[in-house]
């Protein structure tokens, strides 16, 4: 899973939730935040799935690779976590569900606010 896939996934979330109708500058900032948060959460899921020996090796990899090159890290996880693909799919779906729920709440609040208050 690379950054391009994550960016496409977050863009699709905006379309699916109707948040793509946000003003362009806000939408672009929100997309960056979504991508960052999704990468962070997927990383946490993966790290939490490592056994003790793999975790030690992961820390060595990070120290040797300060740029935290996504391909090196993802390759490491794929080798060390037998169910890596399924874990990432689960993380993606949970993230999408959470953002979809937040979007529903935002839309309901928007409907409740009288136009005069805007």
N, C-alpha and C. Protein backbone atom coordinates (compact mmCIF):
# COMPACT_ATOMS: atom_id res chain seq x y z
N UNK A 1 0.86 -1.17 0.00
CA UNK A 1 0.00 0.00 0.00
C UNK A 1 0.90 1.23 0.00
N UNK A 2 0.71 2.08 -0.97
CA UNK A 2 1.57 3.26 -1.07
C UNK A 2 0.77 4.53 -0.84
N UNK A 3 1.49 5.64 -0.84
CA UNK A 3 0.84 6.93 -0.57
C UNK A 3 -0.22 7.27 -1.62
N UNK A 4 0.06 6.90 -2.86
CA UNK A 4 -0.91 7.20 -3.92
C UNK A 4 -2.23 6.47 -3.65
N UNK A 5 -2.15 5.21 -3.23
CA UNK A 5 -3.36 4.45 -2.91
C UNK A 5 -4.10 5.11 -1.75
N UNK A 6 -3.36 5.49 -0.73
CA UNK A 6 -3.98 6.13 0.43
C UNK A 6 -4.64 7.45 0.03
N UNK A 7 -3.97 8.23 -0.82
CA UNK A 7 -4.57 9.48 -1.28
C UNK A 7 -5.85 9.23 -2.08
N UNK A 8 -5.84 8.22 -2.94
CA UNK A 8 -7.04 7.89 -3.71
C UNK A 8 -8.15 7.39 -2.79
N UNK A 9 -7.78 6.61 -1.78
CA UNK A 9 -8.76 6.08 -0.84
C UNK A 9 -9.42 7.23 -0.07
N UNK A 10 -8.63 8.18 0.40
CA UNK A 10 -9.21 9.30 1.16
C UNK A 10 -10.05 10.20 0.26
N UNK A 11 -9.64 10.36 -1.00
CA UNK A 11 -10.46 11.14 -1.93
C UNK A 11 -11.80 10.46 -2.15
N UNK A 12 -11.79 9.14 -2.25
CA UNK A 12 -13.03 8.40 -2.44
C UNK A 12 -13.93 8.52 -1.20
N UNK A 13 -13.33 8.56 -0.03
CA UNK A 13 -14.11 8.76 1.19
C UNK A 13 -14.86 10.09 1.11
N UNK A 14 -14.18 11.14 0.67
CA UNK A 14 -14.84 12.45 0.55
C UNK A 14 -16.00 12.39 -0.42
N UNK A 15 -15.82 11.70 -1.52
CA UNK A 15 -16.90 11.57 -2.51
C UNK A 15 -18.06 10.79 -1.91
N UNK A 16 -17.75 9.66 -1.29
CA UNK A 16 -18.80 8.79 -0.73
C UNK A 16 -19.58 9.47 0.39
N UNK A 17 -18.94 10.33 1.13
CA UNK A 17 -19.60 10.98 2.26
C UNK A 17 -20.22 12.33 1.91
N UNK A 18 -19.96 12.80 0.69
CA UNK A 18 -20.48 14.10 0.30
C UNK A 18 -19.61 15.26 0.77
N UNK A 19 -18.49 14.96 1.40
CA UNK A 19 -17.61 16.02 1.89
C UNK A 19 -16.77 16.63 0.77
N UNK A 20 -16.85 16.07 -0.43
CA UNK A 20 -16.14 16.65 -1.56
C UNK A 20 -16.73 17.99 -1.98
N UNK A 21 -17.88 18.33 -1.41
CA UNK A 21 -18.52 19.61 -1.72
C UNK A 21 -18.00 20.74 -0.83
N UNK A 22 -17.06 20.44 0.04
CA UNK A 22 -16.46 21.47 0.88
C UNK A 22 -15.69 22.45 0.01
N UNK A 23 -15.47 23.67 0.49
CA UNK A 23 -14.65 24.62 -0.26
C UNK A 23 -13.28 24.00 -0.57
N UNK A 24 -12.75 24.30 -1.75
CA UNK A 24 -11.54 23.63 -2.24
C UNK A 24 -10.36 23.72 -1.29
N UNK A 25 -10.08 24.89 -0.74
CA UNK A 25 -8.92 25.02 0.14
C UNK A 25 -9.09 24.19 1.41
N UNK A 26 -10.30 24.18 1.97
CA UNK A 26 -10.58 23.38 3.15
C UNK A 26 -10.50 21.90 2.81
N UNK A 27 -11.07 21.53 1.66
CA UNK A 27 -11.08 20.14 1.22
C UNK A 27 -9.65 19.62 1.04
N UNK A 28 -8.78 20.42 0.43
CA UNK A 28 -7.39 20.00 0.21
C UNK A 28 -6.67 19.80 1.54
N UNK A 29 -6.88 20.71 2.49
CA UNK A 29 -6.26 20.55 3.81
C UNK A 29 -6.82 19.32 4.52
N UNK A 30 -8.11 19.11 4.40
CA UNK A 30 -8.76 17.96 5.04
C UNK A 30 -8.24 16.65 4.44
N UNK A 31 -8.05 16.62 3.13
CA UNK A 31 -7.51 15.42 2.48
C UNK A 31 -6.11 15.10 3.01
N UNK A 32 -5.29 16.12 3.17
CA UNK A 32 -3.94 15.90 3.71
C UNK A 32 -4.02 15.34 5.12
N UNK A 33 -4.92 15.88 5.93
CA UNK A 33 -5.08 15.39 7.30
C UNK A 33 -5.59 13.96 7.32
N UNK A 34 -6.54 13.65 6.45
CA UNK A 34 -7.07 12.29 6.37
C UNK A 34 -5.97 11.31 5.97
N UNK A 35 -5.19 11.66 4.97
CA UNK A 35 -4.11 10.78 4.51
C UNK A 35 -3.09 10.54 5.62
N UNK A 36 -2.72 11.61 6.29
CA UNK A 36 -1.75 11.48 7.39
C UNK A 36 -2.32 10.58 8.49
N UNK A 37 -3.56 10.84 8.88
CA UNK A 37 -4.18 10.07 9.96
C UNK A 37 -4.34 8.60 9.58
N UNK A 38 -4.70 8.34 8.34
CA UNK A 38 -4.85 6.96 7.90
C UNK A 38 -3.50 6.24 7.92
N UNK A 39 -2.46 6.88 7.43
CA UNK A 39 -1.13 6.26 7.46
C UNK A 39 -0.70 6.00 8.90
N UNK A 40 -0.96 6.93 9.77
CA UNK A 40 -0.59 6.78 11.19
C UNK A 40 -1.32 5.58 11.81
N UNK A 41 -2.61 5.49 11.56
CA UNK A 41 -3.40 4.40 12.14
C UNK A 41 -3.00 3.04 11.59
N UNK A 42 -2.75 2.98 10.29
CA UNK A 42 -2.32 1.71 9.71
C UNK A 42 -0.96 1.30 10.27
N UNK A 43 -0.09 2.27 10.48
CA UNK A 43 1.21 1.98 11.08
C UNK A 43 1.06 1.44 12.49
N UNK A 44 0.19 2.05 13.26
CA UNK A 44 -0.04 1.59 14.64
C UNK A 44 -0.60 0.16 14.64
N UNK A 45 -1.56 -0.10 13.76
CA UNK A 45 -2.11 -1.46 13.65
C UNK A 45 -1.00 -2.47 13.35
N UNK A 46 -0.15 -2.11 12.41
CA UNK A 46 0.93 -3.03 12.02
C UNK A 46 1.92 -3.24 13.17
N UNK A 47 2.36 -2.15 13.78
CA UNK A 47 3.34 -2.27 14.88
C UNK A 47 2.76 -3.09 16.02
N UNK A 48 1.50 -2.87 16.33
CA UNK A 48 0.87 -3.62 17.42
C UNK A 48 0.72 -5.11 17.09
N UNK A 49 0.85 -5.48 15.83
CA UNK A 49 0.72 -6.88 15.42
C UNK A 49 2.06 -7.61 15.39
N UNK A 50 3.16 -6.90 15.62
CA UNK A 50 4.48 -7.52 15.59
C UNK A 50 4.73 -8.31 16.86
N UNK A 51 5.44 -9.42 16.72
CA UNK A 51 5.90 -10.13 17.91
C UNK A 51 7.11 -9.38 18.47
N UNK A 52 7.58 -9.80 19.61
CA UNK A 52 8.64 -9.06 20.30
C UNK A 52 9.92 -8.97 19.45
N UNK A 53 10.31 -10.07 18.85
CA UNK A 53 11.54 -10.06 18.03
C UNK A 53 11.39 -9.14 16.82
N UNK A 54 10.25 -9.20 16.18
CA UNK A 54 10.00 -8.35 15.01
C UNK A 54 9.95 -6.88 15.41
N UNK A 55 9.42 -6.61 16.59
CA UNK A 55 9.36 -5.22 17.06
C UNK A 55 10.78 -4.67 17.24
N UNK A 56 11.68 -5.47 17.81
CA UNK A 56 13.07 -5.05 17.98
C UNK A 56 13.69 -4.77 16.62
N UNK A 57 13.45 -5.65 15.66
CA UNK A 57 13.98 -5.47 14.31
C UNK A 57 13.37 -4.24 13.64
N UNK A 58 12.10 -3.99 13.90
CA UNK A 58 11.44 -2.81 13.35
C UNK A 58 12.10 -1.54 13.87
N UNK A 59 12.38 -1.49 15.15
CA UNK A 59 13.04 -0.31 15.72
C UNK A 59 14.40 -0.09 15.08
N UNK A 60 15.13 -1.17 14.80
CA UNK A 60 16.42 -1.05 14.12
C UNK A 60 16.23 -0.48 12.71
N UNK A 61 15.22 -0.98 12.01
CA UNK A 61 14.93 -0.48 10.66
C UNK A 61 14.65 1.01 10.68
N UNK A 62 13.86 1.46 11.64
CA UNK A 62 13.51 2.87 11.72
C UNK A 62 14.74 3.72 12.03
N UNK A 63 15.60 3.23 12.91
CA UNK A 63 16.83 3.97 13.22
C UNK A 63 17.74 4.07 12.00
N UNK A 64 17.78 3.02 11.20
CA UNK A 64 18.64 2.99 10.01
C UNK A 64 18.00 3.71 8.83
N UNK A 65 16.72 3.99 8.92
CA UNK A 65 15.98 4.59 7.82
C UNK A 65 15.19 5.79 8.36
N UNK A 66 15.90 6.88 8.71
CA UNK A 66 15.22 8.01 9.36
C UNK A 66 14.13 8.65 8.50
N UNK A 67 14.19 8.48 7.18
CA UNK A 67 13.13 9.06 6.35
C UNK A 67 11.86 8.23 6.43
N UNK A 68 11.96 7.06 7.05
CA UNK A 68 10.83 6.14 7.20
C UNK A 68 10.16 5.87 5.85
N UNK A 69 11.01 5.55 4.87
CA UNK A 69 10.55 5.23 3.53
C UNK A 69 9.41 4.23 3.61
N UNK A 70 8.28 4.61 3.08
CA UNK A 70 7.06 3.81 3.19
C UNK A 70 7.23 2.42 2.57
N UNK A 71 7.97 2.32 1.47
CA UNK A 71 8.14 1.02 0.82
C UNK A 71 8.97 0.08 1.69
N UNK A 72 10.02 0.58 2.33
CA UNK A 72 10.84 -0.26 3.20
C UNK A 72 10.03 -0.74 4.40
N UNK A 73 9.28 0.17 4.99
CA UNK A 73 8.49 -0.17 6.17
C UNK A 73 7.38 -1.15 5.80
N UNK A 74 6.68 -0.88 4.70
CA UNK A 74 5.60 -1.78 4.28
C UNK A 74 6.15 -3.16 3.93
N UNK A 75 7.30 -3.21 3.28
CA UNK A 75 7.92 -4.49 2.96
C UNK A 75 8.26 -5.27 4.22
N UNK A 76 8.77 -4.57 5.22
CA UNK A 76 9.08 -5.21 6.50
C UNK A 76 7.82 -5.81 7.11
N UNK A 77 6.76 -5.02 7.16
CA UNK A 77 5.50 -5.50 7.75
C UNK A 77 4.96 -6.71 6.98
N UNK A 78 5.03 -6.66 5.66
CA UNK A 78 4.51 -7.77 4.85
C UNK A 78 5.24 -9.07 5.17
N UNK A 79 6.55 -8.96 5.42
CA UNK A 79 7.34 -10.16 5.72
C UNK A 79 7.08 -10.67 7.13
N UNK A 80 6.80 -9.76 8.06
CA UNK A 80 6.73 -10.14 9.47
C UNK A 80 5.32 -10.40 10.00
N UNK A 81 4.31 -9.93 9.28
CA UNK A 81 2.92 -10.09 9.75
C UNK A 81 2.19 -10.98 8.75
N UNK A 82 1.90 -12.22 9.13
CA UNK A 82 1.29 -13.17 8.18
C UNK A 82 -0.04 -12.67 7.61
N UNK A 83 -0.81 -11.96 8.35
CA UNK A 83 -2.13 -11.50 7.92
C UNK A 83 -2.11 -9.99 7.62
N UNK A 84 -0.98 -9.50 7.14
CA UNK A 84 -0.81 -8.06 6.92
C UNK A 84 -1.88 -7.48 6.00
N UNK A 85 -2.13 -8.13 4.87
CA UNK A 85 -3.10 -7.61 3.92
C UNK A 85 -4.49 -7.48 4.55
N UNK A 86 -4.92 -8.51 5.24
CA UNK A 86 -6.23 -8.48 5.89
C UNK A 86 -6.29 -7.42 6.98
N UNK A 87 -5.18 -7.25 7.70
CA UNK A 87 -5.10 -6.23 8.75
C UNK A 87 -5.27 -4.83 8.16
N UNK A 88 -4.62 -4.59 7.03
CA UNK A 88 -4.71 -3.27 6.39
C UNK A 88 -6.12 -3.02 5.86
N UNK A 89 -6.75 -4.04 5.30
CA UNK A 89 -8.12 -3.88 4.82
C UNK A 89 -9.04 -3.55 5.98
N UNK A 90 -8.88 -4.25 7.09
CA UNK A 90 -9.68 -3.97 8.27
C UNK A 90 -9.47 -2.53 8.73
N UNK A 91 -8.23 -2.08 8.76
CA UNK A 91 -7.93 -0.71 9.17
C UNK A 91 -8.55 0.31 8.23
N UNK A 92 -8.48 0.06 6.92
CA UNK A 92 -9.08 0.96 5.94
C UNK A 92 -10.59 1.07 6.13
N UNK A 93 -11.23 -0.08 6.30
CA UNK A 93 -12.69 -0.08 6.44
C UNK A 93 -13.14 0.58 7.74
N UNK A 94 -12.41 0.35 8.82
CA UNK A 94 -12.75 1.01 10.09
C UNK A 94 -12.58 2.52 9.98
N UNK A 95 -11.52 2.95 9.32
CA UNK A 95 -11.28 4.38 9.14
C UNK A 95 -12.40 5.00 8.31
N UNK A 96 -12.76 4.34 7.21
CA UNK A 96 -13.83 4.86 6.36
C UNK A 96 -15.15 4.94 7.12
N UNK A 97 -15.44 3.92 7.92
CA UNK A 97 -16.68 3.93 8.70
C UNK A 97 -16.69 5.09 9.70
N UNK A 98 -15.56 5.33 10.33
CA UNK A 98 -15.48 6.42 11.30
C UNK A 98 -15.68 7.78 10.62
N UNK A 99 -15.02 7.99 9.50
CA UNK A 99 -15.16 9.26 8.78
C UNK A 99 -16.58 9.41 8.25
N UNK A 100 -17.17 8.33 7.79
CA UNK A 100 -18.56 8.38 7.30
C UNK A 100 -19.52 8.78 8.41
N UNK A 101 -19.30 8.24 9.61
CA UNK A 101 -20.14 8.59 10.75
C UNK A 101 -19.97 10.07 11.11
N UNK A 102 -18.74 10.52 11.12
CA UNK A 102 -18.49 11.94 11.42
C UNK A 102 -19.15 12.84 10.38
N UNK A 103 -19.11 12.44 9.12
CA UNK A 103 -19.74 13.22 8.05
C UNK A 103 -21.25 13.27 8.24
N UNK A 104 -21.85 12.13 8.63
CA UNK A 104 -23.30 12.12 8.89
C UNK A 104 -23.65 13.09 10.02
N UNK A 105 -22.83 13.07 11.07
CA UNK A 105 -23.07 13.98 12.19
C UNK A 105 -22.94 15.44 11.75
N UNK A 106 -21.94 15.74 10.94
CA UNK A 106 -21.76 17.11 10.45
C UNK A 106 -22.95 17.56 9.61
N UNK A 107 -23.42 16.67 8.73
CA UNK A 107 -24.56 17.03 7.89
C UNK A 107 -25.81 17.24 8.73
N UNK A 108 -26.00 16.46 9.78
CA UNK A 108 -27.19 16.63 10.62
C UNK A 108 -27.11 17.92 11.41
N UNK A 109 -25.93 18.29 11.86
CA UNK A 109 -25.76 19.57 12.56
C UNK A 109 -26.03 20.72 11.60
N UNK A 110 -25.53 20.60 10.38
CA UNK A 110 -25.73 21.66 9.39
C UNK A 110 -27.22 21.87 9.13
N UNK A 111 -28.01 20.79 9.10
CA UNK A 111 -29.45 20.92 8.86
C UNK A 111 -30.16 21.56 10.06
N UNK A 112 -29.61 21.36 11.26
CA UNK A 112 -30.24 21.87 12.47
C UNK A 112 -29.97 23.37 12.68
N UNK A 113 -28.88 23.88 12.10
CA UNK A 113 -28.52 25.28 12.31
C UNK A 113 -29.37 26.14 11.38
N UNK A 114 -30.11 27.09 11.93
CA UNK A 114 -30.92 27.96 11.09
C UNK A 114 -30.04 28.78 10.13
N UNK A 115 -30.55 29.02 8.95
CA UNK A 115 -29.81 29.75 7.93
C UNK A 115 -29.40 31.13 8.48
N UNK A 116 -30.25 31.75 9.28
CA UNK A 116 -29.95 33.09 9.81
C UNK A 116 -28.71 33.08 10.69
N UNK A 117 -28.40 31.94 11.31
CA UNK A 117 -27.24 31.86 12.21
C UNK A 117 -25.94 31.78 11.43
N UNK A 118 -26.01 31.46 10.14
CA UNK A 118 -24.80 31.34 9.34
C UNK A 118 -24.35 32.64 8.84
